[in-house]
PDB file of N, CA and C in Angstrom:
ATOM      1  N   MET A   1      46.840  15.064  21.841  1.00  0.00           N
ATOM      2  CA  MET A   1      47.944  14.180  22.395  1.00  0.00           C
ATOM      3  C   MET A   1      49.125  15.054  23.015  1.00  0.00           C
ATOM      4  N   LEU A   2      49.370  16.234  22.146  1.00  0.00           N
ATOM      5  CA  LEU A   2      50.113  16.814  22.754  1.00  0.00           C
ATOM      6  C   LEU A   2      50.129  17.831  24.089  1.00  0.00           C
ATOM      7  N   ALA A   3      48.606  18.037  23.863  1.00  0.00           N
ATOM      8  CA  ALA A   3      48.314  18.769  25.313  1.00  0.00           C
ATOM      9  C   ALA A   3      48.323  17.546  26.308  1.00  0.00           C
ATOM     10  N   ALA A   4      47.943  16.546  26.141  1.00  0.00           N
ATOM     11  CA  ALA A   4      48.414  15.502  27.312  1.00  0.00           C
ATOM     12  C   ALA A   4      49.549  15.332  27.681  1.00  0.00           C
ATOM     13  N   PHE A   5      50.570  15.385  26.731  1.00  0.00           N
ATOM     14  CA  PHE A   5      51.856  15.379  27.163  1.00  0.00           C
ATOM     15  C   PHE A   5      52.468  16.498  28.039  1.00  0.00           C
ATOM     16  N   ILE A   6      51.861  17.868  27.519  1.00  0.00           N
ATOM     17  CA  ILE A   6      52.667  18.877  28.484  1.00  0.00           C
ATOM     18  C   ILE A   6      51.764  18.884  29.836  1.00  0.00           C
ATOM     19  N   ALA A   7      50.540  18.356  29.954  1.00  0.00           N
ATOM     20  CA  ALA A   7      49.971  18.496  31.100  1.00  0.00           C
ATOM     21  C   ALA A   7      50.423  17.427  32.034  1.00  0.00           C
ATOM     22  N   ALA A   8      50.819  16.275  31.440  1.00  0.00           N
ATOM     23  CA  ALA A   8      51.474  15.110  32.323  1.00  0.00           C
ATOM     24  C   ALA A   8      52.787  15.612  32.870  1.00  0.00           C
ATOM     25  N   THR A   9      53.489  16.543  31.717  1.00  0.00           N
ATOM     26  CA  THR A   9      54.999  16.907  32.110  1.00  0.00           C
ATOM     27  C   THR A   9      54.732  17.950  33.281  1.00  0.00           C
ATOM     28  N   ILE A  10      54.088  18.792  33.412  1.00  0.00           N
ATOM     29  CA  ILE A  10      53.520  19.781  34.350  1.00  0.00           C
ATOM     30  C   ILE A  10      53.177  19.279  35.640  1.00  0.00           C
ATOM     31  N   ILE A  11      52.333  18.107  35.607  1.00  0.00           N
ATOM     32  CA  ILE A  11      51.560  17.578  36.860  1.00  0.00           C
ATOM     33  C   ILE A  11      52.377  16.493  37.308  1.00  0.00           C
ATOM     34  N   ILE A  12      52.786  15.701  36.519  1.00  0.00           N
ATOM     35  CA  ILE A  12      53.625  14.296  36.872  1.00  0.00           C
ATOM     36  C   ILE A  12      55.015  14.640  37.368  1.00  0.00           C
ATOM     37  N   LEU A  13      55.527  15.392  36.533  1.00  0.00           N
ATOM     38  CA  LEU A  13      57.012  15.551  36.975  1.00  0.00           C
ATOM     39  C   LEU A  13      57.272  16.009  38.414  1.00  0.00           C
ATOM     40  N   PRO A  14      56.662  16.863  38.695  1.00  0.00           N
ATOM     41  CA  PRO A  14      56.956  17.513  40.238  1.00  0.00           C
ATOM     42  C   PRO A  14      56.651  16.500  41.339  1.00  0.00           C
ATOM     43  N   ILE A  15      55.503  15.659  41.001  1.00  0.00           N
ATOM     44  CA  ILE A  15      55.057  14.889  41.883  1.00  0.00           C
ATOM     45  C   ILE A  15      56.122  13.785  42.097  1.00  0.00           C
ATOM     46  N   THR A  16      56.579  13.259  40.848  1.00  0.00           N
ATOM     47  CA  THR A  16      57.534  12.153  40.929  1.00  0.00           C
ATOM     48  C   THR A  16      58.893  12.491  41.428  1.00  0.00           C
ATOM     49  N   PHE A  17      59.101  13.871  41.066  1.00  0.00           N
ATOM     50  CA  PHE A  17      60.600  14.523  41.837  1.00  0.00           C
ATOM     51  C   PHE A  17      60.547  14.420  43.339  1.00  0.00           C
ATOM     52  N   LEU A  18      59.327  14.995  43.805  1.00  0.00           N
ATOM     53  CA  LEU A  18      59.179  15.083  45.353  1.00  0.00           C
ATOM     54  C   LEU A  18      59.079  13.578  45.905  1.00  0.00           C
ATOM     55  N   LYS A  19      58.383  12.803  45.346  1.00  0.00           N
ATOM     56  CA  LYS A  19      58.328  11.441  45.728  1.00  0.00           C
ATOM     57  C   LYS A  19      59.692  10.766  45.845  1.00  0.00           C
ATOM     58  N   TYR A  20      60.589  10.863  44.895  1.00  0.00           N
ATOM     59  CA  TYR A  20      61.777  10.107  44.564  1.00  0.00           C
ATOM     60  C   TYR A  20      63.030  11.158  44.501  1.00  0.00           C
ATOM     61  N   PHE A  21      62.905  12.067  45.336  1.00  0.00           N
ATOM     62  CA  PHE A  21      63.888  13.094  45.399  1.00  0.00           C
ATOM     63  C   PHE A  21      65.386  12.598  45.854  1.00  0.00           C
ATOM     64  N   ASP A  22      65.386  11.433  46.448  1.00  0.00           N
ATOM     65  CA  ASP A  22      66.683  10.800  46.888  1.00  0.00           C
ATOM     66  C   ASP A  22      67.260   9.954  45.586  1.00  0.00           C
ATOM     67  N   SER A  23      66.253   9.719  44.797  1.00  0.00           N
ATOM     68  CA  SER A  23      66.875   8.526  43.644  1.00  0.00           C
ATOM     69  C   SER A  23      66.656   9.272  42.249  1.00  0.00           C
ATOM     70  N   PHE A  24      67.732   9.820  41.683  1.00  0.00           N
ATOM     71  CA  PHE A  24      67.579  10.576  40.344  1.00  0.00           C
ATOM     72  C   PHE A  24      67.295   9.412  39.301  1.00  0.00           C
ATOM     73  N   ALA A  25      67.761   8.012  39.600  1.00  0.00           N
ATOM     74  CA  ALA A  25      67.710   7.033  38.443  1.00  0.00           C
ATOM     75  C   ALA A  25      65.921   6.901  38.290  1.00  0.00           C
ATOM     76  N   ALA A  26      65.108   6.565  39.555  1.00  0.00           N
ATOM     77  CA  ALA A  26      63.478   6.761  39.752  1.00  0.00           C
ATOM     78  C   ALA A  26      62.977   7.925  38.705  1.00  0.00           C
ATOM     79  N   PHE A  27      63.476   8.937  38.963  1.00  0.00           N
ATOM     80  CA  PHE A  27      62.893  10.313  38.535  1.00  0.00           C
ATOM     81  C   PHE A  27      63.332  10.355  36.849  1.00  0.00           C
ATOM     82  N   SER A  28      64.395   9.914  36.468  1.00  0.00           N
ATOM     83  CA  SER A  28      64.808   9.899  35.244  1.00  0.00           C
ATOM     84  C   SER A  28      63.997   8.874  34.456  1.00  0.00           C
ATOM     85  N   PHE A  29      63.837   7.700  35.031  1.00  0.00           N
ATOM     86  CA  PHE A  29      63.073   6.548  34.452  1.00  0.00           C
ATOM     87  C   PHE A  29      61.529   7.136  34.063  1.00  0.00           C
ATOM     88  N   ASN A  30      60.941   7.804  35.202  1.00  0.00           N
ATOM     89  CA  ASN A  30      59.555   8.103  34.768  1.00  0.00           C
ATOM     90  C   ASN A  30      59.657   9.401  33.771  1.00  0.00           C
ATOM     91  N   TYR A  31      60.633  10.222  33.734  1.00  0.00           N
ATOM     92  CA  TYR A  31      60.742  11.162  32.827  1.00  0.00           C
ATOM     93  C   TYR A  31      61.050  10.566  31.383  1.00  0.00           C
ATOM     94  N   GLY A  32      61.548   9.583  31.469  1.00  0.00           N
ATOM     95  CA  GLY A  32      61.759   8.611  30.097  1.00  0.00           C
ATOM     96  C   GLY A  32      60.615   8.134  29.606  1.00  0.00           C
ATOM     97  N   ALA A  33      59.678   7.692  30.330  1.00  0.00           N
ATOM     98  CA  ALA A  33      58.537   7.252  29.945  1.00  0.00           C
ATOM     99  C   ALA A  33      57.474   8.271  29.313  1.00  0.00           C
ATOM    100  N   LEU A  34      57.752   9.615  29.918  1.00  0.00           N
ATOM    101  CA  LEU A  34      56.791  10.595  29.432  1.00  0.00           C
ATOM    102  C   LEU A  34      57.483  11.148  27.951  1.00  0.00           C
ATOM    103  N   LEU A  35      58.637  10.963  28.103  1.00  0.00           N
ATOM    104  CA  LEU A  35      59.285  11.404  26.641  1.00  0.00           C
ATOM    105  C   LEU A  35      58.876  10.375  25.482  1.00  0.00           C
ATOM    106  N   ALA A  36      58.551   9.070  25.982  1.00  0.00           N
ATOM    107  CA  ALA A  36      58.271   8.068  24.564  1.00  0.00           C
ATOM    108  C   ALA A  36      56.895   8.582  24.135  1.00  0.00           C
ATOM    109  N   LEU A  37      56.159   9.466  24.844  1.00  0.00           N
ATOM    110  CA  LEU A  37      54.980   9.895  24.100  1.00  0.00           C
ATOM    111  C   LEU A  37      55.120  10.780  22.829  1.00  0.00           C
ATOM    112  N   ILE A  38      56.261  11.461  22.583  1.00  0.00           N
ATOM    113  CA  ILE A  38      56.617  12.005  21.714  1.00  0.00           C
ATOM    114  C   ILE A  38      56.677  11.376  20.175  1.00  0.00           C
ATOM    115  N   PRO A  39      57.473  10.219  20.251  1.00  0.00           N
ATOM    116  CA  PRO A  39      57.298   9.315  19.032  1.00  0.00           C
ATOM    117  C   PRO A  39      56.206   8.725  18.827  1.00  0.00           C
ATOM    118  N   ILE A  40      55.471   8.514  19.822  1.00  0.00           N
ATOM    119  CA  ILE A  40      54.190   7.735  19.660  1.00  0.00           C
ATOM    120  C   ILE A  40      53.336   8.885  19.190  1.00  0.00           C
ATOM    121  N   HIS A  41      53.322   9.948  19.492  1.00  0.00           N
ATOM    122  CA  HIS A  41      52.652  11.025  18.960  1.00  0.00           C
ATOM    123  C   HIS A  41      52.951  11.118  17.426  1.00  0.00           C
ATOM    124  N   LEU A  42      54.067  11.113  17.007  1.00  0.00           N
ATOM    125  CA  LEU A  42      54.560  11.509  15.602  1.00  0.00           C
ATOM    126  C   LEU A  42      54.367  10.426  14.709  1.00  0.00           C
ATOM    127  N   TYR A  43      53.970   9.142  15.227  1.00  0.00           N
ATOM    128  CA  TYR A  43      53.664   7.849  14.124  1.00  0.00           C
ATOM    129  C   TYR A  43      52.545   8.230  13.385  1.00  0.00           C
ATOM    130  N   SER A  44      52.570   8.102  12.216  1.00  0.00           N
ATOM    131  CA  SER A  44      51.411   8.272  11.320  1.00  0.00           C
ATOM    132  C   SER A  44      50.453   7.004  11.296  1.00  0.00           C
ATOM    133  N   GLY A  45      51.008   6.048  11.559  1.00  0.00           N
ATOM    134  CA  GLY A  45      50.329   4.677  11.519  1.00  0.00           C
ATOM    135  C   GLY A  45      50.269   4.024  10.088  1.00  0.00           C
ATOM    136  N   LYS A  46      51.405   4.641   9.284  1.00  0.00           N
ATOM    137  CA  LYS A  46      51.421   3.842   8.078  1.00  0.00           C
ATOM    138  C   LYS A  46      52.822   3.123   7.737  1.00  0.00           C
ATOM    139  N   ARG A  47      53.101   2.155   7.477  1.00  0.00           N
ATOM    140  CA  ARG A  47      54.629   1.361   7.297  1.00  0.00           C
ATOM    141  C   ARG A  47      55.162   1.964   6.269  1.00  0.00           C
ATOM    142  N   ASP A  48      56.532   1.955   6.314  1.00  0.00           N
ATOM    143  CA  ASP A  48      57.341   2.658   5.508  1.00  0.00           C
ATOM    144  C   ASP A  48      57.400   1.716   4.295  1.00  0.00           C
ATOM    145  N   ARG A  49      57.127   2.352   3.088  1.00  0.00           N
ATOM    146  CA  ARG A  49      57.000   1.600   1.941  1.00  0.00           C
ATOM    147  C   ARG A  49      58.048   1.906   0.832  1.00  0.00           C
ATOM    148  N   SER A  50      59.066   2.797   1.394  1.00  0.00           N
ATOM    149  CA  SER A  50      60.204   3.332   0.377  1.00  0.00           C
ATOM    150  C   SER A  50      61.370   2.387   0.702  1.00  0.00           C
ATOM    151  N   SER A  51      61.445   1.485   1.424  1.00  0.00           N
ATOM    152  CA  SER A  51      62.719   0.803   1.572  1.00  0.00           C
ATOM    153  C   SER A  51      62.672  -0.494   0.458  1.00  0.00           C
ATOM    154  N   THR A  52      63.661  -0.967  -0.197  1.00  0.00           N
ATOM    155  CA  THR A  52      63.929  -1.846  -0.877  1.00  0.00           C
ATOM    156  C   THR A  52      63.944  -3.132  -0.180  1.00  0.00           C
ATOM    157  N   PRO A  53      63.684  -4.474  -0.790  1.00  0.00           N
ATOM    158  CA  PRO A  53      63.608  -5.785  -0.181  1.00  0.00           C
ATOM    159  C   PRO A  53      65.047  -5.941   0.328  1.00  0.00           C
ATOM    160  N   LEU A  54      66.172  -5.503  -0.124  1.00  0.00           N
ATOM    161  CA  LEU A  54      67.496  -5.616   0.232  1.00  0.00           C
ATOM    162  C   LEU A  54      67.698  -4.972   1.508  1.00  0.00           C
ATOM    163  N   LYS A  55      67.299  -3.825   1.614  1.00  0.00           N
ATOM    164  CA  LYS A  55      67.410  -2.943   2.551  1.00  0.00           C
ATOM    165  C   LYS A  55      66.449  -3.394   3.963  1.00  0.00           C
ATOM    166  N   LYS A  56      65.452  -3.927   3.718  1.00  0.00           N
ATOM    167  CA  LYS A  56      64.586  -4.462   4.605  1.00  0.00           C
ATOM    168  C   LYS A  56      65.443  -5.857   5.240  1.00  0.00           C
ATOM    169  N   GLU A  57      65.901  -6.597   4.467  1.00  0.00           N
ATOM    170  CA  GLU A  57      66.523  -7.779   5.029  1.00  0.00           C
ATOM    171  C   GLU A  57      67.802  -7.528   5.831  1.00  0.00           C
ATOM    172  N   ILE A  58      68.691  -6.442   5.380  1.00  0.00           N
ATOM    173  CA  ILE A  58      69.827  -6.159   5.871  1.00  0.00           C
ATOM    174  C   ILE A  58      69.441  -5.461   7.148  1.00  0.00           C
ATOM    175  N   ASN A  59      68.234  -4.716   7.378  1.00  0.00           N
ATOM    176  CA  ASN A  59      67.983  -4.056   8.497  1.00  0.00           C
ATOM    177  C   ASN A  59      67.416  -5.291   9.483  1.00  0.00           C
ATOM    178  N   ARG A  60      66.577  -6.158   9.261  1.00  0.00           N
ATOM    179  CA  ARG A  60      66.290  -7.158  10.054  1.00  0.00           C
ATOM    180  C   ARG A  60      67.473  -7.929  10.736  1.00  0.00           C
ATOM    181  N   TRP A  61      68.316  -8.584   9.761  1.00  0.00           N
ATOM    182  CA  TRP A  61      69.312  -9.194  10.273  1.00  0.00           C
ATOM    183  C   TRP A  61      70.266  -8.455  11.282  1.00  0.00           C
ATOM    184  N   PHE A  62      70.344  -7.021  10.964  1.00  0.00           N
ATOM    185  CA  PHE A  62      71.129  -6.194  11.873  1.00  0.00           C
ATOM    186  C   PHE A  62      70.711  -6.125  13.024  1.00  0.00           C
ATOM    187  N   PHE A  63      69.281  -6.075  13.123  1.00  0.00           N
ATOM    188  CA  PHE A  63      68.786  -5.971  14.545  1.00  0.00           C
ATOM    189  C   PHE A  63      68.629  -7.333  15.242  1.00  0.00           C
ATOM    190  N   TYR A  64      68.522  -8.539  14.708  1.00  0.00           N
ATOM    191  CA  TYR A  64      68.671  -9.994  15.132  1.00  0.00           C
ATOM    192  C   TYR A  64      69.926 -10.104  15.966  1.00  0.00           C
ATOM    193  N   VAL A  65      70.961  -9.287  15.227  1.00  0.00           N
ATOM    194  CA  VAL A  65      72.369  -9.676  15.995  1.00  0.00           C
ATOM    195  C   VAL A  65      72.625  -8.624  16.957  1.00  0.00           C
ATOM    196  N   TYR A  66      72.338  -7.294  16.610  1.00  0.00           N
ATOM    197  CA  TYR A  66      72.627  -6.132  17.305  1.00  0.00           C
ATOM    198  C   TYR A  66      71.909  -6.166  18.577  1.00  0.00           C
ATOM    199  N   TYR A  67      70.804  -6.539  18.878  1.00  0.00           N
ATOM    200  CA  TYR A  67      70.051  -6.717  20.062  1.00  0.00           C
ATOM    201  C   TYR A  67      70.839  -7.488  21.004  1.00  0.00           C
ATOM    202  N   PRO A  68      70.575  -8.925  20.909  1.00  0.00           N
ATOM    203  CA  PRO A  68      71.261  -9.664  21.740  1.00  0.00           C
ATOM    204  C   PRO A  68      72.883  -9.488  21.944  1.00  0.00           C
ATOM    205  N   LEU A  69      73.442  -8.787  21.096  1.00  0.00           N
ATOM    206  CA  LEU A  69      75.028  -8.569  21.279  1.00  0.00           C
ATOM    207  C   LEU A  69      75.269  -7.467  22.124  1.00  0.00           C
ATOM    208  N   HIS A  70      74.431  -6.456  22.007  1.00  0.00           N
ATOM    209  CA  HIS A  70      74.508  -5.392  22.757  1.00  0.00           C
ATOM    210  C   HIS A  70      74.241  -5.517  24.145  1.00  0.00           C
ATOM    211  N   MET A  71      73.084  -6.387  24.445  1.00  0.00           N
ATOM    212  CA  MET A  71      72.652  -6.802  25.800  1.00  0.00           C
ATOM    213  C   MET A  71      73.849  -7.525  26.364  1.00  0.00           C
ATOM    214  N   MET A  72      74.427  -8.452  25.947  1.00  0.00           N
ATOM    215  CA  MET A  72      75.593  -9.406  26.450  1.00  0.00           C
ATOM    216  C   MET A  72      76.757  -8.404  26.698  1.00  0.00           C
ATOM    217  N   ILE A  73      76.900  -7.297  26.130  1.00  0.00           N
ATOM    218  CA  ILE A  73      77.965  -6.435  26.229  1.00  0.00           C
ATOM    219  C   ILE A  73      77.672  -5.656  27.480  1.00  0.00           C
ATOM    220  N   ILE A  74      76.533  -5.087  27.605  1.00  0.00           N
ATOM    221  CA  ILE A  74      75.925  -4.525  28.928  1.00  0.00           C
ATOM    222  C   ILE A  74      76.084  -5.399  30.101  1.00  0.00           C
ATOM    223  N   PHE A  75      75.778  -6.656  29.958  1.00  0.00           N
ATOM    224  CA  PHE A  75      75.766  -7.526  31.278  1.00  0.00           C
ATOM    225  C   PHE A  75      77.302  -7.740  31.572  1.00  0.00           C
ATOM    226  N   ILE A  76      78.179  -7.887  30.650  1.00  0.00           N
ATOM    227  CA  ILE A  76      79.343  -8.261  30.988  1.00  0.00           C
ATOM    228  C   ILE A  76      80.106  -6.978  31.713  1.00  0.00           C
ATOM    229  N   ALA A  77      79.584  -5.717  31.176  1.00  0.00           N
ATOM    230  CA  ALA A  77      80.301  -4.607  31.647  1.00  0.00           C
ATOM    231  C   ALA A  77      79.829  -4.438  33.151  1.00  0.00           C
ATOM    232  N   GLN A  78      78.476  -5.025  33.582  1.00  0.00           N
ATOM    233  CA  GLN A  78      78.100  -4.569  34.798  1.00  0.00           C
ATOM    234  C   GLN A  78      78.779  -5.891  35.725  1.00  0.00           C
ATOM    235  N   ILE A  79      79.048  -6.794  35.189  1.00  0.00           N
ATOM    236  CA  ILE A  79      79.713  -7.734  36.023  1.00  0.00           C
ATOM    237  C   ILE A  79      81.218  -7.312  36.744  1.00  0.00           C
ATOM    238  N   GLN A  80      82.083  -6.735  35.828  1.00  0.00           N
ATOM    239  CA  GLN A  80      83.238  -6.262  36.105  1.00  0.00           C
ATOM    240  C   GLN A  80      83.223  -4.844  36.883  1.00  0.00           C
TER     241      GLN A  80
END
C-alpha cells in the first residue's frame, strides 16, 4: 500500500499538475485525495475498545451537532 502511494504520488501528481496548471484548487484536490491513502493504510481494521460508554455518547452527540453547525457556518461565510 505504501509503495502504491509513492508510485501514485510520483506518477499522478506531475500529470495532474500539468493538466490543471491554471487551477491550483483542482491540483490540491487531487493531491488531497492521494493524502487520504495515509490514514487508510494506517487503519488496523479494529474498533476502538478503550472508550467508556459515556465518552462514546459524548463523541456521538458532539459530531451530530458539530457537522451540521460547521457546514452552516461555511455556507453563511460564502454568502457574505
